[in-house]
Structures are given as structure tokens and as C-alpha cells.
Amino acid sequence: MKLTVIGCGYLGATHAACMAELGHDVVGIDIDPQKVERLQAGDVPFFEPGLADILRRNLDAGRLRFTTDHSVAADHASVHFIGVGTPQEVRGHRADLSHVHAAVDALVPTLRGTHVLIGKSTVPVGTCEELSQRISQLCAPGAHVELSWSPEFLREGFAVEDTLSPDRMVLGVGRLVDDPEAPQAESLAGQVVRDIYREVLETGIPFIETDWATAELVKVSSNAFLATKISFINAMSELCEIAGADVGTLADAMGHDARIGRRFLNAGLGFGGGCLPKDIRALTARADEMGAPRAVGFLREVDAINMRRRSAAAELVAEALGGEVLGRNVAVLGTAFKPESDDVRDSPALAVAGRLALDGASVTVFDPQAMDNSRRVQPMLSYAASARAACDRADVVVVATEWAEFVHMSPDELAPVMRHKRIVDARRCLDSQAWRSAGWDYRALGGPVPARKTETTSSFTQVNGSSSKAVPSVHVLG
């Protein structure tokens, strides 16, 4: 099929490349000439494992191209995906829909005949109702544009996999008849999406076709639930610190309950990125607008718990240094909000580094992928070319993002360059016994990490990064 993707940021560029990978003829459209030039040259403007190969393969095959010319969309295809960003408003918690409105305003007047618009961006409930009215006013005489919404569920670091092998697909469509009691005929969008994803759906992926409002709520509801689960275990870790309990074992024991599950019960520095924080804030703001502030009011505390972890991490570093960070050398390993990403939006790791610098520490950071983005956000920090270089003459090192190279590094790698052998494990991802045995002052955010017997380190603990020897692999949506 011939498709267009409006917006070629993280979501749009990934979607365009993956649609071409499924065999479709795709044009990606964006207003940023530099971004378009890089994509057309086969250069991904952000870090996402596996995406560069798919991009180049489909550019070479002639199934994919990028342009800044919006008029190309109407000539190329009758199916158009909207994948523009919906960031948090600068002065408020609402989602900024200006890019969505701009995309619709630029595209719809150029369309002739019958077209299907499929939204992928994360939007507040009620957006489709608003856009449908906007579209009806912008449509040329005789043109018909059907609006639908199919939210994305991408995890950064796994975006290709989540596009080509999603765990579910959701499509929200408007009613085709005015009578709510009348049976709803299959929408054109439903038929089109089934054709586009035929290869994917044939693998048995659940396909959920619903109304606009439900589809709009699915993504933010999922993220709000995950954020709540993460903040819950971090709230328990605050109690564990006072009581002298082990939050890792607590999470393991809770996780054996099938109703709860072990995933996302990892105490530590908390969540960040471009999705969870803004989504829970946008949901609370939208609930306020709808006259239901108490419905999701608890999310404000979820947000507050999460933000407290950043202060707690900085305080733990100060404690490790005897109560004062002023004039001390601090190494921070990891600035991306999660491993396998170069995204530093609302990154807890970068926030902690910045807080320590403001408190007077000399902070040097290293991240395997997020150095350029970090420099743009926090230019006052010092940046090193490796973990070892970041730790040169450091009084303490902080593991703030659980990259595999940090999780598996040996204490002996850093000891020769450190001024003092002190380490703060803000993600509770290191082998605590190995660091202590090597003579390090080891401290973990969320309370002590005792040595664990081999038999207590269960298989799900290894997968989800709760034990002292775990390899973290839990990744949030977006």
C-alpha cells in the first residue's frame, strides 16, 4: 500500500521505516529540513537499536523516502499516519497539541477523494472529537476524510520490535451512523489497518477496535498504571530504609503473587523520559478539565514520590561523602533516562547530576549514547569519554542509568583511578557483595542491599533486575 507518515521524530521515523519493512511504499514528511536530510541519507537522528539497518535497507529498495513538502502526501497516498510530538505545555501540565493541529491543517485541505487519517501520537481523551470538527471545516468539496486513532506502545530501545511485533493493536474509530442504538458497520479505517498490518495480525496479535475515546485513553492509562507501580515500590523503599528492611526481597515476595507480578517493582531512582511523566500529568490535567479531578488525583502523589527519588539520591551521595558535596569530585555513570536510549527528557540521572553540580560538586558524567543530548541540557557538567575517565580522581561514583557495561563492570576497573572507593548504586543494579568484598563503600538508593543466597535469586529476579546480581531489562513504554 502507499502510505504517508506526518512527523518524522522518534515515533514517526520509526513507524515510517517499519511500514516500509512490511513492504509498503512510504513517504515520511517533516517540517525540519535537517532531520529530513539526515533520514534521506540513511542517518537516524537518535539512538534506537536496529532502526538504522531497516532505514537504509528500505531507502535502497525504493520503498521509503522523506520530504518537507506536505503537498506530496495527497499525491502519494490515501492513507496517512500522524506521528508528531505532543509534549507537555511549557507553563502547565496539559499536552501541547499544536503539532497535531498543524499537521491536520497542512494536510487536509490538499486531499481529494477518500482518505484515511490514522493518529499515532499520544493525545488527551476528546481530541478526536475536536479534530473531526476541524477536518470537516478544512475538507475540500467532495472530499471525504475518515479519522481514526491507533496509539503507539513503543518502548525506547525496543521500538522496532514493538512496531513489527506488538503485544496488541488498538484502533479507535468514530460512529458511522448517528443513532447510537443502530449496529455499527465496519469502518474503512478498520479495513485499511487490517490490510496494512496483515502480516503482523496473522501471527495472532490481538486487534482491538473501539471508539475514539477508549483508544485515546489506552496509552495514558497504561503509562499511568506502570508509573503507579514504580512509585509504589519506591514508596515502600522509603519505609524499608527506616525499618531496616530489604526492598528487593520485599519486591520478590510480592512478585510471586500472579495478581501483582514482578515487573516494574524495581526500587531505585524512578521513571523519566518523554512519556510516563508527561502522560500522567496530562491525564490529571484532562481529568480536571472534564470536572473529575478526584478520579486520578492519586497520580499527583505518584509523580511526587517519583520526584522525591532524585532528591534522595543526591542526599545519599552527600551522606557517602560525610554530609558535604561542596568541592568534591563526583562521577555519574549514565545520563539517559533508561539504558538502550539517548533520550534525556526528564531524565532522573541527569537531574541528579545537575543537582549535585548546583550543590557545589565538580560533576563528571559518562553515558554510552546520550552525551550530545546531555551537553545540550546540562552544559555546566563535565563530560568524559569513558566510565574510567569519568571516575578519574573522583571521591564517589554514582551509577544512575543501568547500562549493561555499568552493571557488569568490575570494581577493579575503577579502583586505580578513584580518589576514594565509594559507590552509590541509584538503580540497585550492581552486585553489592562483589563491590563490598573489593573494599568499596557501597550504598544503594532504597536502603541496604544485603548479600543474597544463590537459591533466593529467582529466575524472574534475574530478568527484572531486583537482586544484587540482576541484569535489568524492564523498559517503560515510550
Protein backbone atom coordinates (compact mmCIF):
# COMPACT_ATOMS: atom_id res chain seq x y z
CA MET A 1 0.00 0.00 0.00
CA LYS A 2 1.00 3.63 -0.44
CA LEU A 3 1.29 5.39 2.94
CA THR A 4 2.48 8.71 4.32
CA VAL A 5 3.74 9.43 7.82
CA ILE A 6 3.38 13.04 9.01
CA GLY A 7 6.08 13.86 11.54
CA CYS A 8 9.47 12.14 11.50
CA GLY A 9 10.68 12.37 15.06
CA TYR A 10 11.23 9.29 17.20
CA LEU A 11 7.74 7.88 16.65
CA GLY A 12 7.26 8.93 13.02
CA ALA A 13 10.67 7.93 11.70
CA THR A 14 10.44 4.53 13.36
CA HIS A 15 6.93 3.99 12.07
CA ALA A 16 7.79 5.04 8.52
CA ALA A 17 10.80 2.72 8.34
CA CYS A 18 8.89 -0.21 9.82
CA MET A 19 5.92 0.26 7.47
CA ALA A 20 8.37 0.12 4.58
CA GLU A 21 9.88 -3.01 6.14
CA LEU A 22 6.41 -4.58 5.89
CA GLY A 23 6.55 -3.92 2.15
CA HIS A 24 4.59 -0.69 1.85
CA ASP A 25 5.55 2.36 -0.22
CA VAL A 26 6.11 5.09 2.36
CA VAL A 27 6.79 8.82 2.30
CA GLY A 28 7.79 10.48 5.57
CA ILE A 29 7.03 14.20 5.87
CA ASP A 30 8.51 16.66 8.37
CA ILE A 31 8.95 20.43 8.58
CA ASP A 32 12.59 20.15 9.75
CA PRO A 33 14.88 20.18 6.67
CA GLN A 34 17.93 18.94 8.59
CA LYS A 35 16.02 15.99 10.02
CA VAL A 36 14.65 15.08 6.59
CA GLU A 37 18.11 15.39 5.01
CA ARG A 38 19.64 13.05 7.59
CA LEU A 39 16.88 10.46 7.27
CA GLN A 40 17.02 10.56 3.48
CA ALA A 41 20.78 9.93 3.76
CA GLY A 42 20.13 6.88 5.95
CA ASP A 43 21.24 8.56 9.17
CA VAL A 44 18.94 8.10 12.19
CA PRO A 45 18.92 11.37 14.25
CA PHE A 46 18.52 9.47 17.54
CA PHE A 47 19.73 6.19 19.02
CA GLU A 48 17.43 3.20 18.54
CA PRO A 49 18.90 -0.30 18.16
CA GLY A 50 18.22 -1.91 14.79
CA LEU A 51 16.50 1.09 13.20
CA ALA A 52 19.43 2.27 11.08
CA ASP A 53 19.63 -1.04 9.21
CA ILE A 54 15.90 -1.03 8.44
CA LEU A 55 16.04 2.61 7.35
CA ARG A 56 18.92 2.09 4.93
CA ARG A 57 17.58 -1.20 3.57
CA ASN A 58 14.25 0.36 2.62
CA LEU A 59 15.75 3.55 1.27
CA ASP A 60 17.92 1.42 -1.01
CA ALA A 61 14.90 -0.68 -2.02
CA GLY A 62 12.98 2.45 -3.04
CA ARG A 63 10.13 1.79 -0.61
CA LEU A 64 10.93 4.77 1.63
CA ARG A 65 11.72 8.44 1.17
CA PHE A 66 11.47 11.65 3.17
CA THR A 67 10.46 15.18 2.25
CA THR A 68 9.43 18.55 3.69
CA ASP A 69 6.76 19.04 1.01
CA HIS A 70 3.32 18.38 2.52
CA SER A 71 1.67 18.50 -0.90
CA VAL A 72 3.36 15.20 -1.72
CA ALA A 73 1.08 13.41 0.74
CA ALA A 74 -2.12 13.94 -1.23
CA ASP A 75 -0.49 12.83 -4.47
CA HIS A 76 1.25 9.79 -2.99
CA ALA A 77 -1.37 8.05 -0.86
CA SER A 78 -4.86 7.93 0.57
CA VAL A 79 -3.73 6.61 3.96
CA HIS A 80 -1.89 8.99 6.27
CA PHE A 81 -0.38 8.37 9.72
CA ILE A 82 0.06 11.27 12.14
CA GLY A 83 3.13 10.75 14.33
CA VAL A 84 4.00 14.23 15.60
CA GLY A 85 5.03 15.03 19.15
CA THR A 86 2.64 16.04 21.94
CA PRO A 87 4.96 17.43 24.62
CA GLN A 88 3.91 18.87 27.95
CA GLU A 89 2.94 22.53 27.76
CA VAL A 90 5.70 24.90 28.85
CA ARG A 91 3.52 26.51 31.53
CA GLY A 92 1.20 23.76 32.60
CA HIS A 93 0.61 20.02 32.66
CA ARG A 94 -1.63 19.72 29.61
CA ALA A 95 -0.46 18.05 26.42
CA ASP A 96 0.55 20.53 23.73
CA LEU A 97 -1.47 19.59 20.62
CA SER A 98 -0.14 22.37 18.40
CA HIS A 99 1.86 19.93 16.25
CA VAL A 100 -1.19 17.71 15.76
CA HIS A 101 -3.31 20.69 14.73
CA ALA A 102 -0.59 21.94 12.39
CA ALA A 103 -0.31 18.53 10.72
CA VAL A 104 -4.07 18.31 10.15
CA ASP A 105 -4.24 21.92 8.93
CA ALA A 106 -1.46 21.36 6.40
CA LEU A 107 -2.70 18.00 5.12
CA VAL A 108 -6.50 18.01 4.98
CA PRO A 109 -7.10 20.95 2.58
CA THR A 110 -4.89 19.26 -0.04
CA LEU A 111 -6.83 15.98 -0.04
CA ARG A 112 -9.25 14.97 -2.78
CA GLY A 113 -11.42 11.87 -2.85
CA THR A 114 -11.49 9.43 0.08
CA HIS A 115 -8.68 9.34 2.63
CA VAL A 116 -8.00 7.73 6.00
CA LEU A 117 -6.09 9.54 8.76
CA ILE A 118 -4.64 7.27 11.44
CA GLY A 119 -3.34 9.07 14.51
CA LYS A 120 -0.39 7.51 16.36
CA SER A 121 0.50 10.37 18.71
CA THR A 122 -0.46 10.25 22.38
CA VAL A 123 -3.36 12.67 22.84
CA PRO A 124 -5.86 13.54 25.61
CA VAL A 125 -9.31 11.99 25.51
CA GLY A 126 -11.63 14.12 23.41
CA THR A 127 -9.00 15.05 20.83
CA CYS A 128 -10.62 13.07 18.00
CA GLU A 129 -13.97 14.77 18.55
CA GLU A 130 -12.23 18.12 18.27
CA LEU A 131 -10.19 17.10 15.22
CA SER A 132 -13.22 15.68 13.41
CA GLN A 133 -14.88 19.09 13.55
CA ARG A 134 -11.67 20.72 12.38
CA ILE A 135 -11.41 18.26 9.49
CA SER A 136 -14.99 18.83 8.38
CA GLN A 137 -14.26 22.54 8.12
CA LEU A 138 -10.99 22.04 6.23
CA CYS A 139 -12.15 19.39 3.74
CA ALA A 140 -12.40 20.40 0.09
CA PRO A 141 -15.82 19.97 -1.55
CA GLY A 142 -16.42 16.31 -2.38
CA ALA A 143 -13.51 15.05 -0.28
CA HIS A 144 -14.10 12.50 2.48
CA VAL A 145 -11.61 12.01 5.31
CA GLU A 146 -12.16 9.33 7.95
CA LEU A 147 -10.31 9.95 11.20
CA SER A 148 -9.14 7.07 13.41
CA TRP A 149 -6.67 6.72 16.25
CA SER A 150 -4.24 3.87 16.82
CA PRO A 151 -1.98 4.72 19.79
CA GLU A 152 1.62 3.56 19.80
CA PHE A 153 3.08 1.45 22.59
CA LEU A 154 6.77 1.84 21.84
CA ARG A 155 9.47 1.19 24.42
CA GLU A 156 12.62 3.13 23.67
CA GLY A 157 15.32 0.61 22.92
CA PHE A 158 12.71 -1.84 21.59
CA ALA A 159 10.78 0.39 19.19
CA VAL A 160 11.41 -1.72 16.07
CA GLU A 161 10.29 -4.88 17.83
CA ASP A 162 7.23 -3.14 19.27
CA THR A 163 6.19 -1.85 15.84
CA LEU A 164 6.69 -5.08 13.91
CA SER A 165 5.68 -7.47 16.72
CA PRO A 166 3.41 -5.51 19.07
CA ASP A 167 1.71 -7.16 22.04
CA ARG A 168 -1.62 -5.67 20.89
CA MET A 169 -3.07 -3.23 18.40
CA VAL A 170 -5.79 -0.74 19.24
CA LEU A 171 -7.84 1.24 16.71
CA GLY A 172 -10.38 3.86 17.67
CA VAL A 173 -12.98 4.88 15.07
CA GLY A 174 -15.94 7.26 15.05
CA ARG A 175 -19.52 6.12 14.70
CA LEU A 176 -20.64 5.90 11.07
CA VAL A 177 -24.32 6.45 11.92
CA ASP A 178 -25.92 9.00 14.22
CA ASP A 179 -28.22 6.55 16.00
CA PRO A 180 -26.26 5.08 18.98
CA GLU A 181 -28.65 2.11 19.06
CA ALA A 182 -28.01 1.18 15.44
CA PRO A 183 -25.41 -1.51 14.66
CA GLN A 184 -22.04 -0.10 13.73
CA ALA A 185 -20.81 -1.02 10.27
CA GLU A 186 -17.11 -1.81 9.79
CA SER A 187 -15.19 1.38 9.27
CA LEU A 188 -12.98 1.99 6.26
CA ALA A 189 -10.12 2.61 8.71
CA GLY A 190 -10.63 -0.85 10.21
CA GLN A 191 -10.36 -2.48 6.80
CA VAL A 192 -7.32 -0.39 5.89
CA VAL A 193 -5.44 -1.09 9.12
CA ARG A 194 -6.08 -4.83 8.79
CA ASP A 195 -4.60 -4.68 5.29
CA ILE A 196 -1.57 -2.65 6.39
CA TYR A 197 -0.78 -4.97 9.27
CA ARG A 198 -1.95 -8.21 7.66
CA GLU A 199 1.44 -9.88 8.09
CA VAL A 200 1.57 -8.81 11.75
CA LEU A 201 -2.01 -9.73 12.60
CA GLU A 202 -1.63 -13.18 11.05
CA THR A 203 0.75 -14.01 13.89
CA GLY A 204 -2.17 -13.79 16.31
CA ILE A 205 -1.61 -10.29 17.69
CA PRO A 206 -4.83 -9.11 19.41
CA PHE A 207 -6.63 -6.42 17.39
CA ILE A 208 -8.97 -4.24 19.45
CA GLU A 209 -11.30 -1.97 17.51
CA THR A 210 -13.13 0.51 19.70
CA ASP A 211 -14.37 4.10 19.86
CA TRP A 212 -12.20 7.19 19.73
CA ALA A 213 -12.32 7.97 23.46
CA THR A 214 -11.28 4.49 24.57
CA ALA A 215 -8.39 4.39 22.11
CA GLU A 216 -7.21 7.81 23.32
CA LEU A 217 -7.25 6.62 26.93
CA VAL A 218 -5.43 3.31 26.42
CA LYS A 219 -1.87 4.66 26.16
CA VAL A 220 -2.07 7.17 29.01
CA SER A 221 -3.90 4.64 31.19
CA SER A 222 -1.19 2.04 30.59
CA ASN A 223 1.56 4.52 31.40
CA ALA A 224 -0.27 5.79 34.47
CA PHE A 225 -0.59 2.22 35.78
CA LEU A 226 3.10 1.48 35.21
CA ALA A 227 4.10 4.77 36.84
CA THR A 228 1.93 3.92 39.83
CA LYS A 229 3.55 0.52 40.20
CA ILE A 230 7.05 2.01 40.07
CA SER A 231 6.19 4.74 42.58
CA PHE A 232 4.53 2.22 44.87
CA ILE A 233 7.68 0.16 45.31
CA ASN A 234 9.70 3.35 45.76
CA ALA A 235 7.28 4.43 48.50
CA MET A 236 7.84 1.04 50.13
CA SER A 237 11.59 1.55 49.81
CA GLU A 238 11.26 4.73 51.88
CA LEU A 239 9.66 2.65 54.63
CA CYS A 240 12.28 -0.08 54.19
CA GLU A 241 15.07 2.45 54.74
CA ILE A 242 13.54 3.47 58.08
CA ALA A 243 12.67 -0.05 59.17
CA GLY A 244 15.91 -1.66 58.00
CA ALA A 245 14.00 -3.96 55.64
CA ASP A 246 15.21 -5.21 52.25
CA VAL A 247 13.03 -3.74 49.50
CA GLY A 248 14.49 -6.15 46.91
CA THR A 249 13.34 -9.21 48.81
CA LEU A 250 10.04 -7.48 49.53
CA ALA A 251 9.51 -6.94 45.78
CA ASP A 252 10.49 -10.54 45.02
CA ALA A 253 7.99 -11.86 47.55
CA MET A 254 5.23 -9.60 46.23
CA GLY A 255 6.01 -10.50 42.64
CA HIS A 256 5.24 -14.17 43.20
CA ASP A 257 1.58 -13.17 43.50
CA ALA A 258 0.25 -13.60 39.95
CA ARG A 259 -2.19 -10.74 40.51
CA ILE A 260 0.73 -8.37 41.09
CA GLY A 261 3.68 -9.70 39.06
CA ARG A 262 7.34 -8.81 39.46
CA ARG A 263 7.86 -6.46 36.53
CA PHE A 264 8.15 -2.74 37.33
CA LEU A 265 8.58 -3.47 41.05
CA ASN A 266 12.17 -2.20 40.99
CA ALA A 267 13.04 0.33 43.66
CA GLY A 268 15.58 2.99 42.77
CA LEU A 269 15.82 6.32 41.02
CA GLY A 270 12.36 6.13 39.43
CA PHE A 271 11.00 6.80 35.97
CA GLY A 272 11.59 9.56 33.45
CA GLY A 273 11.68 10.05 29.70
CA GLY A 274 9.28 11.64 27.28
CA CYS A 275 6.21 9.51 28.07
CA LEU A 276 5.43 8.48 31.65
CA PRO A 277 5.96 11.86 33.38
CA LYS A 278 4.12 13.92 30.79
CA ASP A 279 1.36 11.35 30.33
CA ILE A 280 0.38 11.16 34.00
CA ARG A 281 0.44 14.96 34.22
CA ALA A 282 -1.62 15.33 31.05
CA LEU A 283 -4.14 12.79 32.35
CA THR A 284 -4.61 14.67 35.61
CA ALA A 285 -4.93 17.96 33.73
CA ARG A 286 -7.53 16.49 31.38
CA ALA A 287 -9.48 15.00 34.29
CA ASP A 288 -9.55 18.46 35.87
CA GLU A 289 -10.92 19.93 32.64
CA MET A 290 -13.61 17.25 32.50
CA GLY A 291 -14.76 18.01 36.02
CA ALA A 292 -13.35 14.81 37.55
CA PRO A 293 -10.23 15.91 39.45
CA ARG A 294 -10.61 13.24 42.13
CA ALA A 295 -10.72 10.37 39.61
CA VAL A 296 -6.97 10.37 39.07
CA GLY A 297 -5.87 12.71 41.83
CA PHE A 298 -3.67 9.95 43.25
CA LEU A 299 -1.38 10.39 40.24
CA ARG A 300 -0.15 13.63 41.74
CA GLU A 301 1.28 11.64 44.64
CA VAL A 302 2.69 9.09 42.17
CA ASP A 303 4.50 11.98 40.49
CA ALA A 304 5.64 13.41 43.82
CA ILE A 305 7.05 10.07 45.02
CA ASN A 306 8.95 9.74 41.77
CA MET A 307 10.44 13.22 42.01
CA ARG A 308 11.48 12.60 45.64
CA ARG A 309 13.79 9.80 44.49
CA ARG A 310 16.01 12.35 42.76
CA SER A 311 16.45 14.34 45.96
CA ALA A 312 17.01 11.12 47.89
CA ALA A 313 19.78 10.10 45.50
CA ALA A 314 21.56 13.43 45.88
CA GLU A 315 21.22 13.18 49.67
CA LEU A 316 22.66 9.67 49.62
CA VAL A 317 25.69 10.92 47.70
CA ALA A 318 26.17 13.67 50.28
CA GLU A 319 25.89 11.09 53.06
CA ALA A 320 28.55 8.93 51.40
CA LEU A 321 30.81 11.99 51.35
CA GLY A 322 30.32 12.72 55.04
CA GLY A 323 27.49 15.21 54.60
CA GLU A 324 29.03 17.74 52.19
CA VAL A 325 29.41 17.67 48.39
CA LEU A 326 30.84 21.17 48.00
CA GLY A 327 34.23 20.96 46.32
CA ARG A 328 34.12 17.17 45.95
CA ASN A 329 34.63 15.26 42.70
CA VAL A 330 31.60 13.20 41.72
CA ALA A 331 31.40 10.80 38.76
CA VAL A 332 27.94 9.99 37.39
CA LEU A 333 27.63 6.97 35.11
CA GLY A 334 24.55 7.25 32.92
CA THR A 335 22.53 10.30 31.90
CA ALA A 336 19.85 8.76 29.65
CA PHE A 337 16.56 8.10 31.41
CA LYS A 338 16.99 4.37 30.68
CA PRO A 339 19.52 2.08 29.00
CA GLU A 340 19.45 1.50 25.24
CA SER A 341 18.37 5.09 24.65
CA ASP A 342 19.92 8.51 24.13
CA ASP A 343 16.82 10.26 25.50
CA VAL A 344 17.47 12.64 28.40
CA ARG A 345 13.99 14.17 28.57
CA ASP A 346 13.02 14.35 32.25
CA SER A 347 15.93 12.02 32.99
CA PRO A 348 16.33 11.24 36.71
CA ALA A 349 20.02 10.51 36.12
CA LEU A 350 20.75 13.87 34.52
CA ALA A 351 18.63 15.64 37.14
CA VAL A 352 20.73 14.13 39.94
CA ALA A 353 23.95 15.13 38.18
CA GLY A 354 22.66 18.68 37.80
CA ARG A 355 21.52 18.85 41.43
CA LEU A 356 24.96 17.76 42.67
CA ALA A 357 26.62 20.39 40.48
CA LEU A 358 24.31 23.08 41.87
CA ASP A 359 25.26 21.95 45.38
CA GLY A 360 28.89 22.69 44.57
CA ALA A 361 30.28 19.36 43.44
CA SER A 362 32.57 19.02 40.45
CA VAL A 363 30.50 16.55 38.41
CA THR A 364 31.85 14.49 35.51
CA VAL A 365 29.46 12.23 33.61
CA PHE A 366 29.60 9.49 31.02
CA ASP A 367 26.84 7.79 29.05
CA PRO A 368 27.34 5.35 26.15
CA GLN A 369 24.83 7.13 23.89
CA ALA A 370 23.40 10.29 25.46
CA MET A 371 26.44 12.56 25.67
CA ASP A 372 25.43 15.06 22.97
CA ASN A 373 21.87 15.36 24.26
CA SER A 374 23.16 15.73 27.82
CA ARG A 375 25.53 18.53 26.85
CA ARG A 376 22.66 20.49 25.34
CA VAL A 377 20.59 20.18 28.51
CA GLN A 378 23.33 20.45 31.15
CA PRO A 379 26.31 22.32 29.63
CA MET A 380 27.72 23.12 33.09
CA LEU A 381 28.69 19.48 33.68
CA SER A 382 31.99 17.94 32.63
CA TYR A 383 31.87 15.09 30.12
CA ALA A 384 34.25 12.15 29.86
CA ALA A 385 34.95 9.68 27.05
CA SER A 386 34.58 6.57 29.23
CA ALA A 387 33.45 5.39 32.64
CA ARG A 388 37.05 5.11 33.76
CA ALA A 389 37.81 8.65 32.60
CA ALA A 390 34.74 10.00 34.41
CA CYS A 391 35.97 8.38 37.64
CA ASP A 392 39.48 9.89 37.46
CA ARG A 393 40.22 11.32 40.96
CA ALA A 394 36.54 11.01 41.94
CA ASP A 395 35.56 10.96 45.60
CA VAL A 396 32.41 8.95 44.77
CA VAL A 397 30.85 7.36 41.69
CA VAL A 398 27.09 7.19 41.11
CA VAL A 399 25.51 4.56 38.85
CA ALA A 400 22.44 6.44 37.62
CA THR A 401 21.42 4.53 34.47
CA GLU A 402 21.64 0.74 34.40
CA TRP A 403 23.55 0.29 31.15
CA ALA A 404 24.90 -3.27 30.86
CA GLU A 405 28.50 -2.06 30.78
CA PHE A 406 28.00 -0.43 34.20
CA VAL A 407 26.09 -3.38 35.66
CA HIS A 408 28.85 -5.81 34.70
CA MET A 409 31.93 -3.68 35.32
CA SER A 410 34.42 -5.00 37.81
CA PRO A 411 35.32 -2.97 40.93
CA ASP A 412 38.94 -3.41 39.93
CA GLU A 413 38.36 -1.43 36.71
CA LEU A 414 37.66 1.79 38.58
CA ALA A 415 39.64 1.40 41.79
CA PRO A 416 43.03 2.56 40.38
CA VAL A 417 41.66 5.94 39.24
CA MET A 418 39.33 6.75 42.14
CA ARG A 419 40.46 9.04 44.95
CA HIS A 420 38.22 7.11 47.33
CA LYS A 421 36.46 3.80 46.75
CA ARG A 422 32.87 4.94 47.26
CA ILE A 423 29.94 3.97 45.04
CA VAL A 424 26.24 4.90 45.13
CA ASP A 425 24.01 2.42 43.30
CA ALA A 426 20.99 4.57 42.41
CA ARG A 427 19.43 1.75 40.37
CA ARG A 428 20.12 -1.15 42.75
CA CYS A 429 21.59 -2.99 39.80
CA LEU A 430 25.11 -3.91 40.95
CA ASP A 431 26.49 -6.99 42.70
CA SER A 432 26.69 -5.43 46.15
CA GLN A 433 28.74 -8.24 47.64
CA ALA A 434 31.37 -8.01 44.89
CA TRP A 435 31.87 -4.28 45.49
CA ARG A 436 31.97 -4.61 49.27
CA SER A 437 34.40 -7.54 49.05
CA ALA A 438 36.68 -5.37 46.92
CA GLY A 439 36.84 -2.80 49.72
CA TRP A 440 34.33 -0.29 48.40
CA ASP A 441 31.92 1.76 50.49
CA TYR A 442 28.78 0.57 48.68
CA ARG A 443 25.43 2.32 49.19
CA ALA A 444 22.15 1.76 47.37
CA LEU A 445 19.16 4.03 46.93
CA GLY A 446 16.23 2.44 48.71
CA GLY A 447 18.16 1.02 51.63
CA PRO A 448 20.80 -1.66 52.16
CA VAL A 449 21.27 -4.47 49.66
CA PRO A 450 22.29 -7.49 51.73
CA ALA A 451 24.24 -10.40 50.27
CA ARG A 452 21.78 -12.96 48.96
CA LYS A 453 22.00 -16.71 48.83
CA THR A 454 22.07 -18.22 45.35
CA GLU A 455 18.80 -20.06 45.83
CA THR A 456 16.92 -16.85 46.66
CA THR A 457 17.86 -15.26 43.34
CA SER A 458 14.90 -16.47 41.31
CA SER A 459 14.66 -16.51 37.56
CA PHE A 460 12.31 -13.55 37.47
CA THR A 461 14.65 -11.63 39.76
CA GLN A 462 17.46 -12.14 37.27
CA VAL A 463 15.28 -10.90 34.42
CA ASN A 464 13.87 -7.85 36.14
CA GLY A 465 16.90 -6.51 37.93
CA SER A 466 15.92 -6.66 41.57
CA SER A 467 18.72 -8.76 43.02
CA SER A 468 22.28 -7.69 43.58
CA LYS A 469 23.36 -9.74 40.57
CA ALA A 470 20.47 -8.90 38.28
CA VAL A 471 20.67 -7.71 34.70
CA PRO A 472 17.96 -5.03 34.35
CA SER A 473 15.71 -5.48 31.35
CA VAL A 474 12.48 -3.75 32.32
CA HIS A 475 11.65 -0.91 29.95
CA VAL A 476 8.78 1.51 30.12
CA LEU A 477 6.58 2.47 27.21
CA GLY A 478 7.74 5.41 25.05
